[in-house]
């Protein structure tokens, strides 16, 4: 059983599965706590690595969409790290996203400082 389904404070039945409202709030707290522990420098470095990956895969073409999942897999990142880094790259103007949360990103056509 995946660990994210376990909550020692609120157990439902013999399978130790968290009820949906508790699971959702626990997930939000977990992501928020993780993002606070990840330093801004680490987020910036990861965002730069993701930008370099997209530049390589898209061959510098700003209209070429790349899935965030594929970028994360190539760089060996988990979902929380890749989410924080993609959001930072979007804030920096390096990426344009297709949705919120981003499923795919492309390079921004506007030149930005590195």
PDB file of N, CA and C in Angstrom:
ATOM      1  N   UNK A   1       0.850  -1.173   0.000  1.00  0.00           N
ATOM      2  CA  UNK A   1       0.000   0.000   0.000  1.00  0.00           C
ATOM      3  C   UNK A   1       0.895   1.235   0.000  1.00  0.00           C
ATOM      4  N   UNK A   2       0.601   2.222  -0.869  1.00  0.00           N
ATOM      5  CA  UNK A   2       1.422   3.440  -0.895  1.00  0.00           C
ATOM      6  C   UNK A   2       1.369   4.164   0.442  1.00  0.00           C
ATOM      7  N   UNK A   3       2.501   4.747   0.801  1.00  0.00           N
ATOM      8  CA  UNK A   3       2.588   5.428   2.087  1.00  0.00           C
ATOM      9  C   UNK A   3       1.696   6.656   2.174  1.00  0.00           C
ATOM     10  N   UNK A   4       1.400   7.305   1.044  1.00  0.00           N
ATOM     11  CA  UNK A   4       0.591   8.506   1.115  1.00  0.00           C
ATOM     12  C   UNK A   4      -0.841   8.225   1.515  1.00  0.00           C
ATOM     13  N   UNK A   5      -1.250   6.947   1.531  1.00  0.00           N
ATOM     14  CA  UNK A   5      -2.595   6.608   1.964  1.00  0.00           C
ATOM     15  C   UNK A   5      -2.675   6.363   3.470  1.00  0.00           C
ATOM     16  N   UNK A   6      -1.531   6.354   4.142  1.00  0.00           N
ATOM     17  CA  UNK A   6      -1.513   6.085   5.574  1.00  0.00           C
ATOM     18  C   UNK A   6      -1.482   7.377   6.380  1.00  0.00           C
ATOM     19  N   UNK A   7      -2.301   7.438   7.391  1.00  0.00           N
ATOM     20  CA  UNK A   7      -2.311   8.574   8.304  1.00  0.00           C
ATOM     21  C   UNK A   7      -2.514   8.011   9.710  1.00  0.00           C
ATOM     22  N   UNK A   8      -1.479   7.996  10.553  1.00  0.00           N
ATOM     23  CA  UNK A   8      -1.605   7.372  11.862  1.00  0.00           C
ATOM     24  C   UNK A   8      -2.630   8.054  12.765  1.00  0.00           C
ATOM     25  N   UNK A   9      -2.977   9.299  12.484  1.00  0.00           N
ATOM     26  CA  UNK A   9      -3.928  10.020  13.323  1.00  0.00           C
ATOM     27  C   UNK A   9      -5.386   9.754  12.957  1.00  0.00           C
ATOM     28  N   UNK A  10      -5.631   9.298  11.749  1.00  0.00           N
ATOM     29  CA  UNK A  10      -7.011   9.116  11.301  1.00  0.00           C
ATOM     30  C   UNK A  10      -7.097   7.886  10.408  1.00  0.00           C
ATOM     31  N   UNK A  11      -7.373   6.760  11.017  1.00  0.00           N
ATOM     32  CA  UNK A  11      -7.404   5.494  10.297  1.00  0.00           C
ATOM     33  C   UNK A  11      -8.852   5.075  10.095  1.00  0.00           C
ATOM     34  N   UNK A  12      -9.146   4.579   8.909  1.00  0.00           N
ATOM     35  CA  UNK A  12     -10.489   4.153   8.559  1.00  0.00           C
ATOM     36  C   UNK A  12     -10.472   2.665   8.247  1.00  0.00           C
ATOM     37  N   UNK A  13     -10.981   1.868   9.133  1.00  0.00           N
ATOM     38  CA  UNK A  13     -11.087   0.431   8.879  1.00  0.00           C
ATOM     39  C   UNK A  13      -9.785  -0.313   9.070  1.00  0.00           C
ATOM     40  N   UNK A  14      -9.828  -1.624   8.741  1.00  0.00           N
ATOM     41  CA  UNK A  14      -8.676  -2.485   8.989  1.00  0.00           C
ATOM     42  C   UNK A  14      -7.534  -2.259   8.007  1.00  0.00           C
ATOM     43  N   UNK A  15      -7.802  -1.621   6.848  1.00  0.00           N
ATOM     44  CA  UNK A  15      -6.769  -1.438   5.829  1.00  0.00           C
ATOM     45  C   UNK A  15      -5.935  -0.177   6.038  1.00  0.00           C
ATOM     46  N   UNK A  16      -6.238   0.606   7.077  1.00  0.00           N
ATOM     47  CA  UNK A  16      -5.499   1.830   7.381  1.00  0.00           C
ATOM     48  C   UNK A  16      -5.527   2.825   6.227  1.00  0.00           C
ATOM     49  N   UNK A  17      -6.634   2.925   5.545  1.00  0.00           N
ATOM     50  CA  UNK A  17      -6.770   3.861   4.442  1.00  0.00           C
ATOM     51  C   UNK A  17      -7.386   5.148   4.968  1.00  0.00           C
ATOM     52  N   UNK A  18      -6.813   6.250   4.604  1.00  0.00           N
ATOM     53  CA  UNK A  18      -7.287   7.554   5.050  1.00  0.00           C
ATOM     54  C   UNK A  18      -8.548   7.916   4.273  1.00  0.00           C
ATOM     55  N   UNK A  19      -9.492   8.500   4.962  1.00  0.00           N
ATOM     56  CA  UNK A  19     -10.705   8.948   4.288  1.00  0.00           C
ATOM     57  C   UNK A  19     -10.363  10.131   3.388  1.00  0.00           C
ATOM     58  N   UNK A  20     -11.073  10.346   2.289  1.00  0.00           N
ATOM     59  CA  UNK A  20     -10.697  11.361   1.311  1.00  0.00           C
ATOM     60  C   UNK A  20     -10.466  12.772   1.861  1.00  0.00           C
ATOM     61  N   UNK A  21     -11.328  13.346   2.726  1.00  0.00           N
ATOM     62  CA  UNK A  21     -11.043  14.704   3.188  1.00  0.00           C
ATOM     63  C   UNK A  21      -9.723  14.811   3.961  1.00  0.00           C
ATOM     64  N   UNK A  22      -9.431  13.837   4.789  1.00  0.00           N
ATOM     65  CA  UNK A  22      -8.169  13.867   5.530  1.00  0.00           C
ATOM     66  C   UNK A  22      -6.988  13.683   4.587  1.00  0.00           C
ATOM     67  N   UNK A  23      -7.142  12.833   3.587  1.00  0.00           N
ATOM     68  CA  UNK A  23      -6.061  12.596   2.636  1.00  0.00           C
ATOM     69  C   UNK A  23      -5.746  13.876   1.864  1.00  0.00           C
ATOM     70  N   UNK A  24      -6.786  14.593   1.424  1.00  0.00           N
ATOM     71  CA  UNK A  24      -6.559  15.827   0.666  1.00  0.00           C
ATOM     72  C   UNK A  24      -5.837  16.872   1.505  1.00  0.00           C
ATOM     73  N   UNK A  25      -6.293  17.075   2.739  1.00  0.00           N
ATOM     74  CA  UNK A  25      -5.649  18.094   3.565  1.00  0.00           C
ATOM     75  C   UNK A  25      -4.236  17.667   3.950  1.00  0.00           C
ATOM     76  N   UNK A  26      -4.019  16.370   4.176  1.00  0.00           N
ATOM     77  CA  UNK A  26      -2.676  15.883   4.498  1.00  0.00           C
ATOM     78  C   UNK A  26      -1.748  16.095   3.314  1.00  0.00           C
ATOM     79  N   UNK A  27      -2.251  15.893   2.101  1.00  0.00           N
ATOM     80  CA  UNK A  27      -1.435  16.092   0.910  1.00  0.00           C
ATOM     81  C   UNK A  27      -1.063  17.560   0.763  1.00  0.00           C
ATOM     82  N   UNK A  28      -2.027  18.446   0.960  1.00  0.00           N
ATOM     83  CA  UNK A  28      -1.734  19.881   0.855  1.00  0.00           C
ATOM     84  C   UNK A  28      -0.682  20.292   1.881  1.00  0.00           C
ATOM     85  N   UNK A  29      -0.842  19.809   3.115  1.00  0.00           N
ATOM     86  CA  UNK A  29       0.143  20.140   4.152  1.00  0.00           C
ATOM     87  C   UNK A  29       1.511  19.580   3.795  1.00  0.00           C
ATOM     88  N   UNK A  30       1.547  18.372   3.246  1.00  0.00           N
ATOM     89  CA  UNK A  30       2.813  17.744   2.893  1.00  0.00           C
ATOM     90  C   UNK A  30       3.546  18.490   1.799  1.00  0.00           C
ATOM     91  N   UNK A  31       2.847  18.897   0.763  1.00  0.00           N
ATOM     92  CA  UNK A  31       3.460  19.633  -0.339  1.00  0.00           C
ATOM     93  C   UNK A  31       3.943  20.987   0.152  1.00  0.00           C
ATOM     94  N   UNK A  32       3.124  21.672   0.928  1.00  0.00           N
ATOM     95  CA  UNK A  32       3.509  22.990   1.441  1.00  0.00           C
ATOM     96  C   UNK A  32       4.757  22.874   2.320  1.00  0.00           C
ATOM     97  N   UNK A  33       4.800  21.855   3.166  1.00  0.00           N
ATOM     98  CA  UNK A  33       5.966  21.671   4.038  1.00  0.00           C
ATOM     99  C   UNK A  33       7.210  21.356   3.216  1.00  0.00           C
ATOM    100  N   UNK A  34       7.037  20.528   2.179  1.00  0.00           N
ATOM    101  CA  UNK A  34       8.178  20.188   1.333  1.00  0.00           C
ATOM    102  C   UNK A  34       8.721  21.421   0.622  1.00  0.00           C
ATOM    103  N   UNK A  35       7.820  22.214   0.048  1.00  0.00           N
ATOM    104  CA  UNK A  35       8.253  23.378  -0.702  1.00  0.00           C
ATOM    105  C   UNK A  35       8.949  24.394   0.186  1.00  0.00           C
ATOM    106  N   UNK A  36       8.577  24.466   1.463  1.00  0.00           N
ATOM    107  CA  UNK A  36       9.247  25.375   2.379  1.00  0.00           C
ATOM    108  C   UNK A  36      10.663  24.901   2.678  1.00  0.00           C
ATOM    109  N   UNK A  37      10.890  23.583   2.676  1.00  0.00           N
ATOM    110  CA  UNK A  37      12.215  23.062   2.986  1.00  0.00           C
ATOM    111  C   UNK A  37      13.155  23.143   1.797  1.00  0.00           C
ATOM    112  N   UNK A  38      12.613  23.177   0.594  1.00  0.00           N
ATOM    113  CA  UNK A  38      13.438  23.280  -0.595  1.00  0.00           C
ATOM    114  C   UNK A  38      13.883  24.736  -0.737  1.00  0.00           C
ATOM    115  N   UNK A  39      15.163  24.961  -0.724  1.00  0.00           N
ATOM    116  CA  UNK A  39      15.660  26.335  -0.752  1.00  0.00           C
ATOM    117  C   UNK A  39      15.402  26.979  -2.110  1.00  0.00           C
ATOM    118  N   UNK A  40      15.406  28.297  -2.119  1.00  0.00           N
ATOM    119  CA  UNK A  40      15.210  29.020  -3.375  1.00  0.00           C
ATOM    120  C   UNK A  40      16.334  28.716  -4.358  1.00  0.00           C
ATOM    121  N   UNK A  41      17.540  28.552  -3.841  1.00  0.00           N
ATOM    122  CA  UNK A  41      18.677  28.250  -4.705  1.00  0.00           C
ATOM    123  C   UNK A  41      18.493  26.885  -5.377  1.00  0.00           C
ATOM    124  N   UNK A  42      18.040  25.894  -4.611  1.00  0.00           N
ATOM    125  CA  UNK A  42      17.798  24.569  -5.190  1.00  0.00           C
ATOM    126  C   UNK A  42      16.689  24.624  -6.235  1.00  0.00           C
ATOM    127  N   UNK A  43      15.654  25.398  -5.951  1.00  0.00           N
ATOM    128  CA  UNK A  43      14.558  25.538  -6.908  1.00  0.00           C
ATOM    129  C   UNK A  43      15.053  26.206  -8.175  1.00  0.00           C
ATOM    130  N   UNK A  44      15.875  27.254  -8.041  1.00  0.00           N
ATOM    131  CA  UNK A  44      16.420  27.938  -9.209  1.00  0.00           C
ATOM    132  C   UNK A  44      17.306  27.010 -10.040  1.00  0.00           C
ATOM    133  N   UNK A  45      18.153  26.231  -9.368  1.00  0.00           N
ATOM    134  CA  UNK A  45      19.038  25.302 -10.082  1.00  0.00           C
ATOM    135  C   UNK A  45      18.224  24.255 -10.838  1.00  0.00           C
ATOM    136  N   UNK A  46      17.185  23.746 -10.202  1.00  0.00           N
ATOM    137  CA  UNK A  46      16.338  22.747 -10.849  1.00  0.00           C
ATOM    138  C   UNK A  46      15.578  23.363 -12.018  1.00  0.00           C
ATOM    139  N   UNK A  47      15.099  24.591 -11.844  1.00  0.00           N
ATOM    140  CA  UNK A  47      14.396  25.279 -12.929  1.00  0.00           C
ATOM    141  C   UNK A  47      15.329  25.501 -14.114  1.00  0.00           C
ATOM    142  N   UNK A  48      16.576  25.860 -13.846  1.00  0.00           N
ATOM    143  CA  UNK A  48      17.548  26.043 -14.932  1.00  0.00           C
ATOM    144  C   UNK A  48      17.820  24.721 -15.654  1.00  0.00           C
ATOM    145  N   UNK A  49      17.928  23.650 -14.892  1.00  0.00           N
ATOM    146  CA  UNK A  49      18.154  22.334 -15.506  1.00  0.00           C
ATOM    147  C   UNK A  49      16.963  21.937 -16.372  1.00  0.00           C
ATOM    148  N   UNK A  50      15.758  22.239 -15.897  1.00  0.00           N
ATOM    149  CA  UNK A  50      14.564  21.926 -16.689  1.00  0.00           C
ATOM    150  C   UNK A  50      14.531  22.769 -17.958  1.00  0.00           C
ATOM    151  N   UNK A  51      14.915  24.045 -17.850  1.00  0.00           N
ATOM    152  CA  UNK A  51      14.957  24.908 -19.037  1.00  0.00           C
ATOM    153  C   UNK A  51      15.963  24.363 -20.046  1.00  0.00           C
ATOM    154  N   UNK A  52      17.135  23.960 -19.576  1.00  0.00           N
ATOM    155  CA  UNK A  52      18.147  23.400 -20.476  1.00  0.00           C
ATOM    156  C   UNK A  52      17.640  22.132 -21.157  1.00  0.00           C
ATOM    157  N   UNK A  53      16.897  21.319 -20.421  1.00  0.00           N
ATOM    158  CA  UNK A  53      16.334  20.104 -21.002  1.00  0.00           C
ATOM    159  C   UNK A  53      15.326  20.439 -22.097  1.00  0.00           C
ATOM    160  N   UNK A  54      14.460  21.410 -21.834  1.00  0.00           N
ATOM    161  CA  UNK A  54      13.460  21.793 -22.837  1.00  0.00           C
ATOM    162  C   UNK A  54      14.139  22.406 -24.061  1.00  0.00           C
ATOM    163  N   UNK A  55      15.172  23.222 -23.862  1.00  0.00           N
ATOM    164  CA  UNK A  55      15.908  23.792 -24.984  1.00  0.00           C
ATOM    165  C   UNK A  55      16.497  22.672 -25.836  1.00  0.00           C
ATOM    166  N   UNK A  56      17.067  21.665 -25.183  1.00  0.00           N
ATOM    167  CA  UNK A  56      17.674  20.538 -25.906  1.00  0.00           C
ATOM    168  C   UNK A  56      16.622  19.744 -26.664  1.00  0.00           C
ATOM    169  N   UNK A  57      15.530  19.391 -25.986  1.00  0.00           N
ATOM    170  CA  UNK A  57      14.494  18.565 -26.607  1.00  0.00           C
ATOM    171  C   UNK A  57      13.772  19.328 -27.721  1.00  0.00           C
ATOM    172  N   UNK A  58      13.490  20.596 -27.469  1.00  0.00           N
ATOM    173  CA  UNK A  58      12.749  21.401 -28.450  1.00  0.00           C
ATOM    174  C   UNK A  58      13.674  22.005 -29.503  1.00  0.00           C
ATOM    175  N   UNK A  59      14.966  21.786 -29.354  1.00  0.00           N
ATOM    176  CA  UNK A  59      15.970  22.336 -30.271  1.00  0.00           C
ATOM    177  C   UNK A  59      15.820  23.851 -30.396  1.00  0.00           C
ATOM    178  N   UNK A  60      15.488  24.487 -29.277  1.00  0.00           N
ATOM    179  CA  UNK A  60      15.385  25.932 -29.232  1.00  0.00           C
ATOM    180  C   UNK A  60      14.112  26.516 -29.819  1.00  0.00           C
ATOM    181  N   UNK A  61      13.208  25.665 -30.313  1.00  0.00           N
ATOM    182  CA  UNK A  61      11.962  26.159 -30.925  1.00  0.00           C
ATOM    183  C   UNK A  61      10.955  26.510 -29.834  1.00  0.00           C
ATOM    184  N   UNK A  62      10.483  27.755 -29.789  1.00  0.00           N
ATOM    185  CA  UNK A  62       9.574  28.153 -28.719  1.00  0.00           C
ATOM    186  C   UNK A  62       8.161  27.586 -28.846  1.00  0.00           C
ATOM    187  N   UNK A  63       7.792  27.042 -29.973  1.00  0.00           N
ATOM    188  CA  UNK A  63       6.431  26.520 -30.155  1.00  0.00           C
ATOM    189  C   UNK A  63       6.342  25.013 -29.914  1.00  0.00           C
ATOM    190  N   UNK A  64       7.396  24.390 -29.454  1.00  0.00           N
ATOM    191  CA  UNK A  64       7.425  22.945 -29.227  1.00  0.00           C
ATOM    192  C   UNK A  64       7.063  22.648 -27.770  1.00  0.00           C
ATOM    193  N   UNK A  65       5.929  21.982 -27.548  1.00  0.00           N
ATOM    194  CA  UNK A  65       5.463  21.653 -26.202  1.00  0.00           C
ATOM    195  C   UNK A  65       6.149  20.387 -25.691  1.00  0.00           C
ATOM    196  N   UNK A  66       6.508  20.383 -24.420  1.00  0.00           N
ATOM    197  CA  UNK A  66       7.150  19.241 -23.774  1.00  0.00           C
ATOM    198  C   UNK A  66       6.410  18.968 -22.476  1.00  0.00           C
ATOM    199  N   UNK A  67       6.073  17.698 -22.224  1.00  0.00           N
ATOM    200  CA  UNK A  67       5.337  17.388 -21.001  1.00  0.00           C
ATOM    201  C   UNK A  67       6.256  17.497 -19.781  1.00  0.00           C
ATOM    202  N   UNK A  68       5.698  18.018 -18.708  1.00  0.00           N
ATOM    203  CA  UNK A  68       6.443  18.184 -17.464  1.00  0.00           C
ATOM    204  C   UNK A  68       6.890  16.816 -16.932  1.00  0.00           C
ATOM    205  N   UNK A  69       6.041  15.818 -17.081  1.00  0.00           N
ATOM    206  CA  UNK A  69       6.372  14.471 -16.618  1.00  0.00           C
ATOM    207  C   UNK A  69       7.621  13.942 -17.324  1.00  0.00           C
ATOM    208  N   UNK A  70       7.710  14.152 -18.640  1.00  0.00           N
ATOM    209  CA  UNK A  70       8.879  13.682 -19.389  1.00  0.00           C
ATOM    210  C   UNK A  70      10.151  14.403 -18.959  1.00  0.00           C
ATOM    211  N   UNK A  71      10.035  15.705 -18.722  1.00  0.00           N
ATOM    212  CA  UNK A  71      11.199  16.468 -18.249  1.00  0.00           C
ATOM    213  C   UNK A  71      11.661  15.904 -16.907  1.00  0.00           C
ATOM    214  N   UNK A  72      10.702  15.714 -15.997  1.00  0.00           N
ATOM    215  CA  UNK A  72      11.029  15.204 -14.662  1.00  0.00           C
ATOM    216  C   UNK A  72      11.665  13.822 -14.735  1.00  0.00           C
ATOM    217  N   UNK A  73      11.160  12.967 -15.610  1.00  0.00           N
ATOM    218  CA  UNK A  73      11.741  11.628 -15.748  1.00  0.00           C
ATOM    219  C   UNK A  73      13.173  11.695 -16.251  1.00  0.00           C
ATOM    220  N   UNK A  74      13.424  12.524 -17.254  1.00  0.00           N
ATOM    221  CA  UNK A  74      14.786  12.624 -17.797  1.00  0.00           C
ATOM    222  C   UNK A  74      15.769  13.149 -16.752  1.00  0.00           C
ATOM    223  N   UNK A  75      15.300  14.043 -15.881  1.00  0.00           N
ATOM    224  CA  UNK A  75      16.183  14.634 -14.871  1.00  0.00           C
ATOM    225  C   UNK A  75      16.148  13.892 -13.540  1.00  0.00           C
ATOM    226  N   UNK A  76      15.292  12.871 -13.422  1.00  0.00           N
ATOM    227  CA  UNK A  76      15.204  12.098 -12.190  1.00  0.00           C
ATOM    228  C   UNK A  76      14.576  12.866 -11.039  1.00  0.00           C
ATOM    229  N   UNK A  77      13.569  13.691 -11.339  1.00  0.00           N
ATOM    230  CA  UNK A  77      12.922  14.510 -10.313  1.00  0.00           C
ATOM    231  C   UNK A  77      11.598  13.901  -9.890  1.00  0.00           C
ATOM    232  N   UNK A  78      11.229  14.095  -8.626  1.00  0.00           N
ATOM    233  CA  UNK A  78       9.896  13.662  -8.203  1.00  0.00           C
ATOM    234  C   UNK A  78       8.900  14.783  -8.500  1.00  0.00           C
ATOM    235  N   UNK A  79       7.629  14.503  -8.305  1.00  0.00           N
ATOM    236  CA  UNK A  79       6.568  15.432  -8.686  1.00  0.00           C
ATOM    237  C   UNK A  79       6.639  16.766  -7.947  1.00  0.00           C
ATOM    238  N   UNK A  80       6.906  16.742  -6.652  1.00  0.00           N
ATOM    239  CA  UNK A  80       6.945  17.984  -5.871  1.00  0.00           C
ATOM    240  C   UNK A  80       8.084  18.894  -6.320  1.00  0.00           C
ATOM    241  N   UNK A  81       9.242  18.306  -6.561  1.00  0.00           N
ATOM    242  CA  UNK A  81      10.405  19.092  -6.996  1.00  0.00           C
ATOM    243  C   UNK A  81      10.153  19.669  -8.377  1.00  0.00           C
ATOM    244  N   UNK A  82       9.654  18.850  -9.296  1.00  0.00           N
ATOM    245  CA  UNK A  82       9.422  19.340 -10.660  1.00  0.00           C
ATOM    246  C   UNK A  82       8.331  20.411 -10.668  1.00  0.00           C
ATOM    247  N   UNK A  83       7.299  20.251  -9.844  1.00  0.00           N
ATOM    248  CA  UNK A  83       6.238  21.254  -9.784  1.00  0.00           C
ATOM    249  C   UNK A  83       6.783  22.604  -9.324  1.00  0.00           C
ATOM    250  N   UNK A  84       7.586  22.594  -8.271  1.00  0.00           N
ATOM    251  CA  UNK A  84       8.167  23.842  -7.758  1.00  0.00           C
ATOM    252  C   UNK A  84       9.089  24.477  -8.795  1.00  0.00           C
ATOM    253  N   UNK A  85       9.888  23.669  -9.470  1.00  0.00           N
ATOM    254  CA  UNK A  85      10.830  24.200 -10.452  1.00  0.00           C
ATOM    255  C   UNK A  85      10.112  24.748 -11.685  1.00  0.00           C
ATOM    256  N   UNK A  86       9.060  24.075 -12.134  1.00  0.00           N
ATOM    257  CA  UNK A  86       8.304  24.566 -13.283  1.00  0.00           C
ATOM    258  C   UNK A  86       7.650  25.899 -12.941  1.00  0.00           C
ATOM    259  N   UNK A  87       7.082  25.980 -11.755  1.00  0.00           N
ATOM    260  CA  UNK A  87       6.464  27.250 -11.350  1.00  0.00           C
ATOM    261  C   UNK A  87       7.504  28.372 -11.299  1.00  0.00           C
ATOM    262  N   UNK A  88       8.706  28.064 -10.826  1.00  0.00           N
ATOM    263  CA  UNK A  88       9.771  29.077 -10.797  1.00  0.00           C
ATOM    264  C   UNK A  88      10.164  29.481 -12.214  1.00  0.00           C
ATOM    265  N   UNK A  89      10.274  28.514 -13.126  1.00  0.00           N
ATOM    266  CA  UNK A  89      10.634  28.829 -14.513  1.00  0.00           C
ATOM    267  C   UNK A  89       9.556  29.679 -15.183  1.00  0.00           C
ATOM    268  N   UNK A  90       8.308  29.426 -14.849  1.00  0.00           N
ATOM    269  CA  UNK A  90       7.215  30.237 -15.389  1.00  0.00           C
ATOM    270  C   UNK A  90       7.302  31.656 -14.825  1.00  0.00           C
ATOM    271  N   UNK A  91       7.566  31.763 -13.524  1.00  0.00           N
ATOM    272  CA  UNK A  91       7.720  33.082 -12.899  1.00  0.00           C
ATOM    273  C   UNK A  91       8.867  33.864 -13.531  1.00  0.00           C
ATOM    274  N   UNK A  92       9.947  33.167 -13.875  1.00  0.00           N
ATOM    275  CA  UNK A  92      11.114  33.810 -14.478  1.00  0.00           C
ATOM    276  C   UNK A  92      10.868  34.196 -15.942  1.00  0.00           C
ATOM    277  N   UNK A  93       9.794  33.673 -16.527  1.00  0.00           N
ATOM    278  CA  UNK A  93       9.495  33.969 -17.924  1.00  0.00           C
ATOM    279  C   UNK A  93      10.171  33.032 -18.902  1.00  0.00           C
ATOM    280  N   UNK A  94      10.717  31.918 -18.416  1.00  0.00           N
ATOM    281  CA  UNK A  94      11.405  30.977 -19.290  1.00  0.00           C
ATOM    282  C   UNK A  94      10.428  30.043 -19.996  1.00  0.00           C
ATOM    283  N   UNK A  95       9.329  29.694 -19.312  1.00  0.00           N
ATOM    284  CA  UNK A  95       8.341  28.759 -19.852  1.00  0.00           C
ATOM    285  C   UNK A  95       6.983  29.427 -19.973  1.00  0.00           C
ATOM    286  N   UNK A  96       6.191  28.893 -20.884  1.00  0.00           N
ATOM    287  CA  UNK A  96       4.762  29.169 -20.977  1.00  0.00           C
ATOM    288  C   UNK A  96       4.085  27.830 -20.707  1.00  0.00           C
ATOM    289  N   UNK A  97       3.092  27.825 -19.836  1.00  0.00           N
ATOM    290  CA  UNK A  97       2.407  26.578 -19.467  1.00  0.00           C
ATOM    291  C   UNK A  97       1.081  26.464 -20.191  1.00  0.00           C
ATOM    292  N   UNK A  98       0.598  25.220 -20.318  1.00  0.00           N
ATOM    293  CA  UNK A  98      -0.678  24.976 -20.986  1.00  0.00           C
ATOM    294  C   UNK A  98      -1.858  25.025 -20.029  1.00  0.00           C
ATOM    295  N   UNK A  99      -1.626  24.891 -18.728  1.00  0.00           N
ATOM    296  CA  UNK A  99      -2.710  24.882 -17.752  1.00  0.00           C
ATOM    297  C   UNK A  99      -2.125  25.120 -16.363  1.00  0.00           C
ATOM    298  N   UNK A 100      -2.998  25.113 -15.372  1.00  0.00           N
ATOM    299  CA  UNK A 100      -2.554  25.228 -13.981  1.00  0.00           C
ATOM    300  C   UNK A 100      -3.234  24.141 -13.174  1.00  0.00           C
ATOM    301  N   UNK A 101      -2.515  23.143 -12.696  1.00  0.00           N
ATOM    302  CA  UNK A 101      -1.073  22.960 -12.760  1.00  0.00           C
ATOM    303  C   UNK A 101      -0.626  22.580 -14.172  1.00  0.00           C
ATOM    304  N   UNK A 102       0.602  22.916 -14.509  1.00  0.00           N
ATOM    305  CA  UNK A 102       1.083  22.685 -15.868  1.00  0.00           C
ATOM    306  C   UNK A 102       1.235  21.200 -16.201  1.00  0.00           C
ATOM    307  N   UNK A 103       0.703  20.812 -17.344  1.00  0.00           N
ATOM    308  CA  UNK A 103       0.907  19.469 -17.869  1.00  0.00           C
ATOM    309  C   UNK A 103       2.066  19.496 -18.861  1.00  0.00           C
ATOM    310  N   UNK A 104       2.089  20.537 -19.682  1.00  0.00           N
ATOM    311  CA  UNK A 104       3.139  20.728 -20.679  1.00  0.00           C
ATOM    312  C   UNK A 104       3.616  22.172 -20.634  1.00  0.00           C
ATOM    313  N   UNK A 105       4.868  22.358 -21.052  1.00  0.00           N
ATOM    314  CA  UNK A 105       5.435  23.693 -21.118  1.00  0.00           C
ATOM    315  C   UNK A 105       6.154  23.854 -22.451  1.00  0.00           C
ATOM    316  N   UNK A 106       6.335  25.107 -22.824  1.00  0.00           N
ATOM    317  CA  UNK A 106       7.146  25.423 -23.994  1.00  0.00           C
ATOM    318  C   UNK A 106       8.014  26.611 -23.633  1.00  0.00           C
ATOM    319  N   UNK A 107       9.043  26.841 -24.425  1.00  0.00           N
ATOM    320  CA  UNK A 107       9.912  27.976 -24.190  1.00  0.00           C
ATOM    321  C   UNK A 107       9.157  29.273 -24.463  1.00  0.00           C
ATOM    322  N   UNK A 108       9.460  30.263 -23.687  1.00  0.00           N
ATOM    323  CA  UNK A 108       8.874  31.579 -23.906  1.00  0.00           C
ATOM    324  C   UNK A 108       9.509  32.198 -25.141  1.00  0.00           C
ATOM    325  N   UNK A 109       8.742  32.948 -25.911  1.00  0.00           N
ATOM    326  CA  UNK A 109       9.306  33.603 -27.084  1.00  0.00           C
ATOM    327  C   UNK A 109      10.001  34.901 -26.713  1.00  0.00           C
ATOM    328  N   UNK A 110       9.729  35.404 -25.525  1.00  0.00           N
ATOM    329  CA  UNK A 110      10.369  36.627 -25.061  1.00  0.00           C
ATOM    330  C   UNK A 110      11.742  36.310 -24.503  1.00  0.00           C
ATOM    331  N   UNK A 111      12.795  36.977 -24.962  1.00  0.00           N
ATOM    332  CA  UNK A 111      14.119  36.727 -24.392  1.00  0.00           C
ATOM    333  C   UNK A 111      14.154  37.195 -22.949  1.00  0.00           C
ATOM    334  N   UNK A 112      14.750  36.387 -22.102  1.00  0.00           N
ATOM    335  CA  UNK A 112      14.846  36.725 -20.679  1.00  0.00           C
ATOM    336  C   UNK A 112      16.289  36.654 -20.232  1.00  0.00           C
ATOM    337  N   UNK A 113      16.607  37.352 -19.176  1.00  0.00           N
ATOM    338  CA  UNK A 113      17.948  37.303 -18.606  1.00  0.00           C
ATOM    339  C   UNK A 113      18.138  35.979 -17.894  1.00  0.00           C
ATOM    340  N   UNK A 114      19.329  35.417 -17.958  1.00  0.00           N
ATOM    341  CA  UNK A 114      19.604  34.136 -17.294  1.00  0.00           C
ATOM    342  C   UNK A 114      20.292  34.305 -15.997  1.00  0.00           C
TER     343      UNK A 114
END
